[in-house]
Amino acid sequence: MVQFEHYRCPLHRYTFSVKPVRKWVEKHCEGRVLNLFAGPTLLGVDEVRNDLDPEMAAHYHLDALKLLSNWSGEPFNTVLLDPPYAIRKSMELYKGNICSPFRQLKDEIPRCLSLGGIVITFGYHSIVMGAGRKFSLERIALFSHGGAIHDTIASIERFNL
């Protein structure tokens, strides 16, 4: 059974800088975490950080797809997937660079994730990885920002073979 949670909180261009969001993420991350679009907020988890912007504190400053495609290290227990939600946002946040094609990112993630690991995704959709990639939905959190601002949907999907 999918668990559902609802939170009211402000919207910020850096998702994890919002305290209720950051606390929720830190609570649900498992083991070693790959944060593909890290931004400026350091999480209180065992985090390997990637951000295309070289000014961000990160272990890697690579396009997320390039990082996943070339990953040869230990698999992660959690992958955080919080890309810019639109091409316009991608261009703003990454100084004119468009982020990796989302479908290709999703296809590469299982290769870098341990069996039983989770993907935590933020965006406008509740099912992201999907059954076709051998994931099952466990939890949805809705972060409501009020007024005419779109809600942010967070989902946790578990990788099962």
N, C-alpha and C. Protein backbone atom coordinates (compact mmCIF):
# COMPACT_ATOMS: atom_id res chain seq x y z
N MET A 1 0.83 -1.18 0.00
CA MET A 1 0.00 0.00 0.00
C MET A 1 0.88 1.25 0.00
N VAL A 2 0.58 2.18 -0.88
CA VAL A 2 1.34 3.42 -1.00
C VAL A 2 0.98 4.35 0.16
N GLN A 3 1.99 4.89 0.80
CA GLN A 3 1.78 5.84 1.89
C GLN A 3 1.80 7.26 1.32
N PHE A 4 0.94 8.13 1.85
CA PHE A 4 0.80 9.49 1.36
C PHE A 4 0.98 10.48 2.50
N GLU A 5 1.71 11.55 2.22
CA GLU A 5 1.92 12.61 3.19
C GLU A 5 1.69 13.96 2.50
N HIS A 6 1.25 14.95 3.27
CA HIS A 6 1.02 16.29 2.74
C HIS A 6 1.68 17.32 3.64
N TYR A 7 2.39 18.26 3.01
CA TYR A 7 3.08 19.33 3.74
C TYR A 7 2.79 20.66 3.06
N ARG A 8 2.66 21.70 3.85
CA ARG A 8 2.58 23.07 3.32
C ARG A 8 3.94 23.71 3.57
N CYS A 9 4.52 24.28 2.53
CA CYS A 9 5.82 24.92 2.68
C CYS A 9 6.06 25.86 1.51
N PRO A 10 6.98 26.79 1.66
CA PRO A 10 7.27 27.70 0.55
C PRO A 10 7.99 26.97 -0.58
N LEU A 11 7.98 27.58 -1.74
CA LEU A 11 8.71 27.07 -2.90
C LEU A 11 10.04 27.81 -2.96
N HIS A 12 11.08 27.11 -3.33
CA HIS A 12 12.39 27.72 -3.51
C HIS A 12 13.05 27.07 -4.71
N ARG A 13 13.85 27.82 -5.42
CA ARG A 13 14.51 27.27 -6.61
C ARG A 13 15.39 26.07 -6.28
N TYR A 14 15.91 26.01 -5.06
CA TYR A 14 16.69 24.87 -4.61
C TYR A 14 15.82 24.07 -3.64
N THR A 15 15.25 23.00 -4.12
CA THR A 15 14.24 22.22 -3.41
C THR A 15 14.65 21.88 -1.98
N PHE A 16 15.88 21.41 -1.78
CA PHE A 16 16.30 20.91 -0.48
C PHE A 16 16.63 22.02 0.51
N SER A 17 16.61 23.27 0.08
CA SER A 17 16.84 24.38 1.01
C SER A 17 15.61 24.66 1.86
N VAL A 18 14.46 24.12 1.46
CA VAL A 18 13.22 24.30 2.22
C VAL A 18 13.21 23.26 3.34
N LYS A 19 13.15 23.73 4.58
CA LYS A 19 13.34 22.86 5.74
C LYS A 19 12.44 21.61 5.75
N PRO A 20 11.11 21.73 5.54
CA PRO A 20 10.28 20.51 5.56
C PRO A 20 10.68 19.50 4.49
N VAL A 21 11.10 19.98 3.33
CA VAL A 21 11.54 19.09 2.25
C VAL A 21 12.84 18.41 2.64
N ARG A 22 13.80 19.21 3.11
CA ARG A 22 15.10 18.65 3.50
C ARG A 22 14.94 17.60 4.59
N LYS A 23 14.13 17.89 5.61
CA LYS A 23 13.92 16.93 6.70
C LYS A 23 13.27 15.65 6.18
N TRP A 24 12.31 15.77 5.28
CA TRP A 24 11.63 14.60 4.71
C TRP A 24 12.63 13.74 3.94
N VAL A 25 13.46 14.38 3.13
CA VAL A 25 14.46 13.65 2.34
C VAL A 25 15.45 12.94 3.26
N GLU A 26 15.98 13.65 4.23
CA GLU A 26 16.95 13.06 5.14
C GLU A 26 16.36 11.88 5.90
N LYS A 27 15.10 11.97 6.26
CA LYS A 27 14.42 10.89 6.98
C LYS A 27 14.28 9.63 6.12
N HIS A 28 14.10 9.80 4.80
CA HIS A 28 13.78 8.65 3.95
C HIS A 28 14.97 8.10 3.16
N CYS A 29 16.08 8.81 3.11
CA CYS A 29 17.25 8.27 2.41
C CYS A 29 17.75 7.04 3.14
N GLU A 30 18.24 6.09 2.37
CA GLU A 30 18.80 4.85 2.92
C GLU A 30 20.25 4.71 2.47
N GLY A 31 21.15 4.41 3.41
CA GLY A 31 22.54 4.10 3.07
C GLY A 31 23.25 5.19 2.30
N ARG A 32 24.04 4.75 1.34
CA ARG A 32 24.85 5.66 0.52
C ARG A 32 23.96 6.29 -0.55
N VAL A 33 24.02 7.61 -0.66
CA VAL A 33 23.10 8.38 -1.49
C VAL A 33 23.83 9.08 -2.63
N LEU A 34 23.29 8.97 -3.84
CA LEU A 34 23.77 9.74 -4.98
C LEU A 34 22.77 10.86 -5.23
N ASN A 35 23.22 12.09 -5.06
CA ASN A 35 22.39 13.26 -5.32
C ASN A 35 22.81 13.80 -6.68
N LEU A 36 22.03 13.52 -7.70
CA LEU A 36 22.40 13.83 -9.09
C LEU A 36 22.37 15.32 -9.43
N PHE A 37 21.50 16.09 -8.79
CA PHE A 37 21.36 17.52 -9.05
C PHE A 37 21.44 18.24 -7.70
N ALA A 38 22.61 18.21 -7.08
CA ALA A 38 22.76 18.53 -5.66
C ALA A 38 22.38 19.96 -5.27
N GLY A 39 22.75 20.94 -6.04
CA GLY A 39 22.50 22.32 -5.62
C GLY A 39 23.35 22.68 -4.42
N PRO A 40 23.00 23.76 -3.71
CA PRO A 40 23.86 24.24 -2.62
C PRO A 40 23.62 23.59 -1.26
N THR A 41 22.51 22.87 -1.09
CA THR A 41 22.17 22.36 0.24
C THR A 41 22.86 21.03 0.53
N LEU A 42 23.66 21.01 1.58
CA LEU A 42 24.31 19.78 2.01
C LEU A 42 23.33 19.02 2.90
N LEU A 43 23.06 17.78 2.55
CA LEU A 43 22.12 16.96 3.32
C LEU A 43 22.84 16.21 4.42
N GLY A 44 22.13 15.91 5.49
CA GLY A 44 22.69 15.16 6.60
C GLY A 44 22.60 13.67 6.37
N VAL A 45 23.13 13.21 5.24
CA VAL A 45 23.15 11.80 4.86
C VAL A 45 24.52 11.48 4.27
N ASP A 46 24.80 10.21 4.02
CA ASP A 46 26.04 9.79 3.37
C ASP A 46 25.89 10.07 1.88
N GLU A 47 26.23 11.30 1.50
CA GLU A 47 25.86 11.83 0.18
C GLU A 47 27.06 11.97 -0.75
N VAL A 48 26.93 11.43 -1.96
CA VAL A 48 27.85 11.70 -3.06
C VAL A 48 27.13 12.72 -3.94
N ARG A 49 27.72 13.90 -4.07
CA ARG A 49 27.05 15.02 -4.71
C ARG A 49 27.55 15.25 -6.13
N ASN A 50 26.60 15.51 -7.03
CA ASN A 50 26.91 15.90 -8.40
C ASN A 50 26.09 17.15 -8.73
N ASP A 51 26.74 18.12 -9.33
CA ASP A 51 26.03 19.30 -9.83
C ASP A 51 26.81 19.84 -11.01
N LEU A 52 26.11 20.12 -12.08
CA LEU A 52 26.73 20.61 -13.30
C LEU A 52 27.43 21.95 -13.08
N ASP A 53 26.93 22.73 -12.15
CA ASP A 53 27.49 24.05 -11.86
C ASP A 53 28.78 23.90 -11.06
N PRO A 54 29.92 24.31 -11.61
CA PRO A 54 31.19 24.14 -10.90
C PRO A 54 31.30 24.97 -9.63
N GLU A 55 30.39 25.92 -9.42
CA GLU A 55 30.42 26.74 -8.21
C GLU A 55 29.74 26.04 -7.03
N MET A 56 29.04 24.94 -7.29
CA MET A 56 28.37 24.21 -6.21
C MET A 56 29.36 23.25 -5.54
N ALA A 57 29.19 23.05 -4.24
CA ALA A 57 30.01 22.08 -3.51
C ALA A 57 29.56 20.69 -3.92
N ALA A 58 30.39 19.99 -4.67
CA ALA A 58 30.02 18.66 -5.16
C ALA A 58 31.27 17.84 -5.42
N HIS A 59 31.11 16.52 -5.35
CA HIS A 59 32.21 15.61 -5.68
C HIS A 59 32.45 15.59 -7.18
N TYR A 60 31.36 15.74 -7.95
CA TYR A 60 31.42 15.71 -9.41
C TYR A 60 30.68 16.91 -9.98
N HIS A 61 31.16 17.40 -11.11
CA HIS A 61 30.51 18.50 -11.83
C HIS A 61 30.28 18.03 -13.26
N LEU A 62 29.48 16.98 -13.38
CA LEU A 62 29.23 16.35 -14.68
C LEU A 62 27.76 16.41 -15.03
N ASP A 63 27.48 16.31 -16.30
CA ASP A 63 26.11 16.09 -16.72
C ASP A 63 25.65 14.79 -16.07
N ALA A 64 24.45 14.78 -15.52
CA ALA A 64 23.97 13.62 -14.75
C ALA A 64 24.00 12.33 -15.57
N LEU A 65 23.64 12.40 -16.83
CA LEU A 65 23.65 11.20 -17.68
C LEU A 65 25.07 10.69 -17.88
N LYS A 66 26.01 11.60 -18.06
CA LYS A 66 27.41 11.18 -18.23
C LYS A 66 27.91 10.50 -16.95
N LEU A 67 27.57 11.06 -15.79
CA LEU A 67 27.97 10.45 -14.52
C LEU A 67 27.41 9.03 -14.39
N LEU A 68 26.11 8.87 -14.64
CA LEU A 68 25.47 7.56 -14.52
C LEU A 68 26.03 6.56 -15.54
N SER A 69 26.17 7.00 -16.77
CA SER A 69 26.64 6.11 -17.85
C SER A 69 28.04 5.59 -17.60
N ASN A 70 28.87 6.40 -16.94
CA ASN A 70 30.27 6.03 -16.72
C ASN A 70 30.55 5.53 -15.31
N TRP A 71 29.50 5.42 -14.48
CA TRP A 71 29.73 5.02 -13.09
C TRP A 71 30.24 3.58 -13.03
N SER A 72 31.37 3.38 -12.34
CA SER A 72 31.92 2.02 -12.18
C SER A 72 32.21 1.72 -10.72
N GLY A 73 31.79 2.60 -9.84
CA GLY A 73 32.00 2.40 -8.40
C GLY A 73 30.91 1.54 -7.80
N GLU A 74 30.89 1.50 -6.47
CA GLU A 74 29.87 0.75 -5.74
C GLU A 74 28.48 1.28 -6.07
N PRO A 75 27.50 0.40 -6.11
CA PRO A 75 26.14 0.90 -6.31
C PRO A 75 25.65 1.68 -5.10
N PHE A 76 24.70 2.55 -5.32
CA PHE A 76 24.12 3.37 -4.27
C PHE A 76 22.87 2.71 -3.71
N ASN A 77 22.53 3.06 -2.47
CA ASN A 77 21.29 2.58 -1.86
C ASN A 77 20.12 3.51 -2.16
N THR A 78 20.44 4.78 -2.40
CA THR A 78 19.43 5.79 -2.72
C THR A 78 19.96 6.68 -3.83
N VAL A 79 19.10 6.99 -4.78
CA VAL A 79 19.41 8.01 -5.78
C VAL A 79 18.37 9.11 -5.63
N LEU A 80 18.85 10.35 -5.46
CA LEU A 80 17.98 11.52 -5.42
C LEU A 80 17.91 12.12 -6.81
N LEU A 81 16.71 12.24 -7.29
CA LEU A 81 16.49 12.73 -8.65
C LEU A 81 15.61 13.98 -8.55
N ASP A 82 16.26 15.14 -8.56
CA ASP A 82 15.56 16.42 -8.45
C ASP A 82 16.06 17.35 -9.54
N PRO A 83 15.78 17.00 -10.80
CA PRO A 83 16.26 17.85 -11.90
C PRO A 83 15.39 19.11 -12.02
N PRO A 84 15.88 20.10 -12.75
CA PRO A 84 15.00 21.23 -13.06
C PRO A 84 13.74 20.68 -13.74
N TYR A 85 12.58 21.20 -13.36
CA TYR A 85 11.32 20.61 -13.80
C TYR A 85 10.94 20.99 -15.23
N ALA A 86 11.65 21.93 -15.84
CA ALA A 86 11.32 22.36 -17.19
C ALA A 86 12.61 22.83 -17.87
N ILE A 87 12.59 22.87 -19.20
CA ILE A 87 13.78 23.31 -19.95
C ILE A 87 14.16 24.72 -19.52
N ARG A 88 13.18 25.60 -19.31
CA ARG A 88 13.48 26.97 -18.89
C ARG A 88 14.24 26.97 -17.57
N LYS A 89 13.81 26.13 -16.61
CA LYS A 89 14.49 26.03 -15.32
C LYS A 89 15.90 25.48 -15.49
N SER A 90 16.05 24.52 -16.36
CA SER A 90 17.36 23.95 -16.64
C SER A 90 18.30 25.03 -17.16
N MET A 91 17.81 25.83 -18.08
CA MET A 91 18.63 26.89 -18.66
C MET A 91 19.00 27.94 -17.60
N GLU A 92 18.05 28.27 -16.69
CA GLU A 92 18.32 29.24 -15.64
C GLU A 92 19.35 28.72 -14.64
N LEU A 93 19.12 27.52 -14.14
CA LEU A 93 19.95 26.99 -13.06
C LEU A 93 21.34 26.59 -13.53
N TYR A 94 21.47 26.21 -14.78
CA TYR A 94 22.75 25.72 -15.27
C TYR A 94 23.34 26.61 -16.34
N LYS A 95 23.06 27.90 -16.22
CA LYS A 95 23.70 28.94 -17.04
C LYS A 95 23.65 28.64 -18.53
N GLY A 96 22.46 28.28 -19.00
CA GLY A 96 22.25 28.06 -20.43
C GLY A 96 22.43 26.62 -20.89
N ASN A 97 22.91 25.74 -20.01
CA ASN A 97 23.06 24.33 -20.37
C ASN A 97 21.77 23.58 -20.10
N ILE A 98 21.35 22.78 -21.03
CA ILE A 98 20.16 21.96 -20.83
C ILE A 98 20.59 20.64 -20.20
N CYS A 99 19.86 20.21 -19.18
CA CYS A 99 20.19 18.95 -18.49
C CYS A 99 19.88 17.74 -19.36
N SER A 100 20.38 16.61 -18.93
CA SER A 100 20.22 15.34 -19.64
C SER A 100 18.77 15.02 -19.94
N PRO A 101 18.54 14.29 -21.04
CA PRO A 101 17.18 13.80 -21.31
C PRO A 101 16.71 12.89 -20.17
N PHE A 102 15.55 13.20 -19.63
CA PHE A 102 15.06 12.54 -18.43
C PHE A 102 14.88 11.04 -18.62
N ARG A 103 14.36 10.62 -19.75
CA ARG A 103 14.13 9.18 -19.97
C ARG A 103 15.45 8.40 -19.94
N GLN A 104 16.47 8.96 -20.56
CA GLN A 104 17.77 8.29 -20.55
C GLN A 104 18.35 8.20 -19.14
N LEU A 105 18.15 9.26 -18.35
CA LEU A 105 18.59 9.21 -16.95
C LEU A 105 17.93 8.05 -16.23
N LYS A 106 16.61 7.94 -16.39
CA LYS A 106 15.86 6.89 -15.71
C LYS A 106 16.31 5.51 -16.16
N ASP A 107 16.69 5.35 -17.41
CA ASP A 107 17.15 4.06 -17.91
C ASP A 107 18.51 3.68 -17.32
N GLU A 108 19.34 4.65 -17.00
CA GLU A 108 20.69 4.38 -16.47
C GLU A 108 20.71 4.16 -14.95
N ILE A 109 19.75 4.72 -14.23
CA ILE A 109 19.78 4.66 -12.77
C ILE A 109 19.84 3.23 -12.22
N PRO A 110 19.07 2.27 -12.72
CA PRO A 110 19.14 0.91 -12.14
C PRO A 110 20.54 0.30 -12.16
N ARG A 111 21.34 0.67 -13.13
CA ARG A 111 22.71 0.16 -13.22
C ARG A 111 23.56 0.62 -12.04
N CYS A 112 23.22 1.75 -11.44
CA CYS A 112 24.01 2.36 -10.37
C CYS A 112 23.37 2.20 -9.00
N LEU A 113 22.27 1.46 -8.94
CA LEU A 113 21.49 1.32 -7.71
C LEU A 113 21.53 -0.12 -7.24
N SER A 114 21.72 -0.31 -5.93
CA SER A 114 21.72 -1.67 -5.40
C SER A 114 20.30 -2.26 -5.43
N LEU A 115 20.22 -3.57 -5.52
CA LEU A 115 18.93 -4.25 -5.48
C LEU A 115 18.26 -3.91 -4.15
N GLY A 116 17.01 -3.52 -4.20
CA GLY A 116 16.29 -3.10 -3.01
C GLY A 116 16.48 -1.63 -2.69
N GLY A 117 17.32 -0.95 -3.49
CA GLY A 117 17.56 0.47 -3.28
C GLY A 117 16.36 1.31 -3.71
N ILE A 118 16.42 2.58 -3.40
CA ILE A 118 15.29 3.47 -3.71
C ILE A 118 15.72 4.66 -4.57
N VAL A 119 14.75 5.17 -5.31
CA VAL A 119 14.91 6.43 -6.02
C VAL A 119 13.88 7.38 -5.44
N ILE A 120 14.35 8.53 -4.98
CA ILE A 120 13.47 9.58 -4.48
C ILE A 120 13.46 10.67 -5.54
N THR A 121 12.30 10.93 -6.10
CA THR A 121 12.17 11.88 -7.20
C THR A 121 11.29 13.05 -6.80
N PHE A 122 11.68 14.23 -7.23
CA PHE A 122 10.88 15.44 -7.05
C PHE A 122 10.50 15.97 -8.42
N GLY A 123 9.24 16.38 -8.55
CA GLY A 123 8.78 16.93 -9.81
C GLY A 123 7.28 17.08 -9.82
N TYR A 124 6.68 16.91 -11.00
CA TYR A 124 5.23 17.04 -11.16
C TYR A 124 4.54 15.70 -11.36
N HIS A 125 5.28 14.58 -11.20
CA HIS A 125 4.71 13.26 -11.45
C HIS A 125 4.94 12.36 -10.24
N SER A 126 4.01 11.43 -10.00
CA SER A 126 4.13 10.55 -8.84
C SER A 126 4.79 9.22 -9.18
N ILE A 127 4.68 8.76 -10.40
CA ILE A 127 5.37 7.53 -10.81
C ILE A 127 6.40 7.94 -11.85
N VAL A 128 7.65 7.66 -11.53
CA VAL A 128 8.73 8.14 -12.37
C VAL A 128 9.53 6.97 -12.96
N MET A 129 10.05 6.11 -12.10
CA MET A 129 10.86 4.99 -12.58
C MET A 129 9.97 3.90 -13.20
N GLY A 130 8.90 3.54 -12.53
CA GLY A 130 7.90 2.66 -13.09
C GLY A 130 8.19 1.17 -13.04
N ALA A 131 7.12 0.39 -13.18
CA ALA A 131 7.20 -1.08 -13.13
C ALA A 131 8.02 -1.65 -14.27
N GLY A 132 8.03 -0.99 -15.40
CA GLY A 132 8.82 -1.46 -16.54
C GLY A 132 10.31 -1.50 -16.26
N ARG A 133 10.75 -0.68 -15.35
CA ARG A 133 12.16 -0.68 -14.92
C ARG A 133 12.34 -1.46 -13.62
N LYS A 134 11.30 -2.18 -13.20
CA LYS A 134 11.31 -3.03 -12.00
C LYS A 134 11.27 -2.23 -10.70
N PHE A 135 10.52 -1.14 -10.68
CA PHE A 135 10.37 -0.33 -9.48
C PHE A 135 8.92 -0.39 -9.01
N SER A 136 8.74 -0.33 -7.70
CA SER A 136 7.40 -0.26 -7.14
C SER A 136 7.29 0.99 -6.27
N LEU A 137 6.16 1.65 -6.39
CA LEU A 137 5.90 2.89 -5.66
C LEU A 137 5.59 2.57 -4.21
N GLU A 138 6.28 3.24 -3.27
CA GLU A 138 6.06 3.01 -1.84
C GLU A 138 5.46 4.23 -1.13
N ARG A 139 5.86 5.43 -1.54
CA ARG A 139 5.46 6.61 -0.78
C ARG A 139 5.35 7.81 -1.72
N ILE A 140 4.36 8.66 -1.43
CA ILE A 140 4.19 9.93 -2.14
C ILE A 140 4.05 11.02 -1.09
N ALA A 141 4.76 12.11 -1.29
CA ALA A 141 4.60 13.30 -0.46
C ALA A 141 4.25 14.46 -1.38
N LEU A 142 3.26 15.21 -0.98
CA LEU A 142 2.84 16.38 -1.73
C LEU A 142 3.25 17.61 -0.92
N PHE A 143 4.07 18.46 -1.54
CA PHE A 143 4.51 19.69 -0.90
C PHE A 143 3.74 20.83 -1.56
N SER A 144 2.76 21.35 -0.82
CA SER A 144 1.85 22.37 -1.33
C SER A 144 2.42 23.75 -1.02
N HIS A 145 2.53 24.57 -2.07
CA HIS A 145 3.15 25.88 -1.93
C HIS A 145 2.14 27.02 -1.89
N GLY A 146 0.86 26.69 -2.08
CA GLY A 146 -0.19 27.69 -1.97
C GLY A 146 -0.40 28.51 -3.24
N GLY A 147 -1.55 29.16 -3.28
CA GLY A 147 -1.87 30.04 -4.40
C GLY A 147 -1.84 29.33 -5.73
N ALA A 148 -1.32 30.03 -6.73
CA ALA A 148 -1.28 29.51 -8.09
C ALA A 148 0.02 28.77 -8.39
N ILE A 149 0.78 28.44 -7.36
CA ILE A 149 2.06 27.75 -7.55
C ILE A 149 1.82 26.25 -7.58
N HIS A 150 2.38 25.58 -8.59
CA HIS A 150 2.24 24.12 -8.69
C HIS A 150 2.80 23.45 -7.44
N ASP A 151 2.10 22.40 -6.97
CA ASP A 151 2.63 21.58 -5.89
C ASP A 151 3.85 20.82 -6.39
N THR A 152 4.71 20.44 -5.46
CA THR A 152 5.83 19.57 -5.77
C THR A 152 5.47 18.17 -5.28
N ILE A 153 5.64 17.19 -6.15
CA ILE A 153 5.34 15.80 -5.80
C ILE A 153 6.67 15.07 -5.60
N ALA A 154 6.80 14.42 -4.47
CA ALA A 154 7.97 13.58 -4.20
C ALA A 154 7.50 12.13 -4.15
N SER A 155 8.25 11.25 -4.78
CA SER A 155 7.88 9.83 -4.74
C SER A 155 9.10 9.01 -4.35
N ILE A 156 8.82 7.90 -3.69
CA ILE A 156 9.88 6.93 -3.37
C ILE A 156 9.48 5.63 -4.06
N GLU A 157 10.37 5.16 -4.92
CA GLU A 157 10.16 3.90 -5.63
C GLU A 157 11.31 2.98 -5.32
N ARG A 158 10.99 1.69 -5.08
CA ARG A 158 12.00 0.71 -4.71
C ARG A 158 12.31 -0.20 -5.89
N PHE A 159 13.61 -0.48 -6.06
CA PHE A 159 14.12 -1.30 -7.16
C PHE A 159 14.05 -2.78 -6.77
N ASN A 160 13.24 -3.54 -7.49
CA ASN A 160 13.06 -4.97 -7.24
C ASN A 160 13.31 -5.73 -8.53
N LEU A 161 14.01 -6.83 -8.47
CA LEU A 161 14.17 -7.65 -9.68
C LEU A 161 13.21 -8.80 -9.68
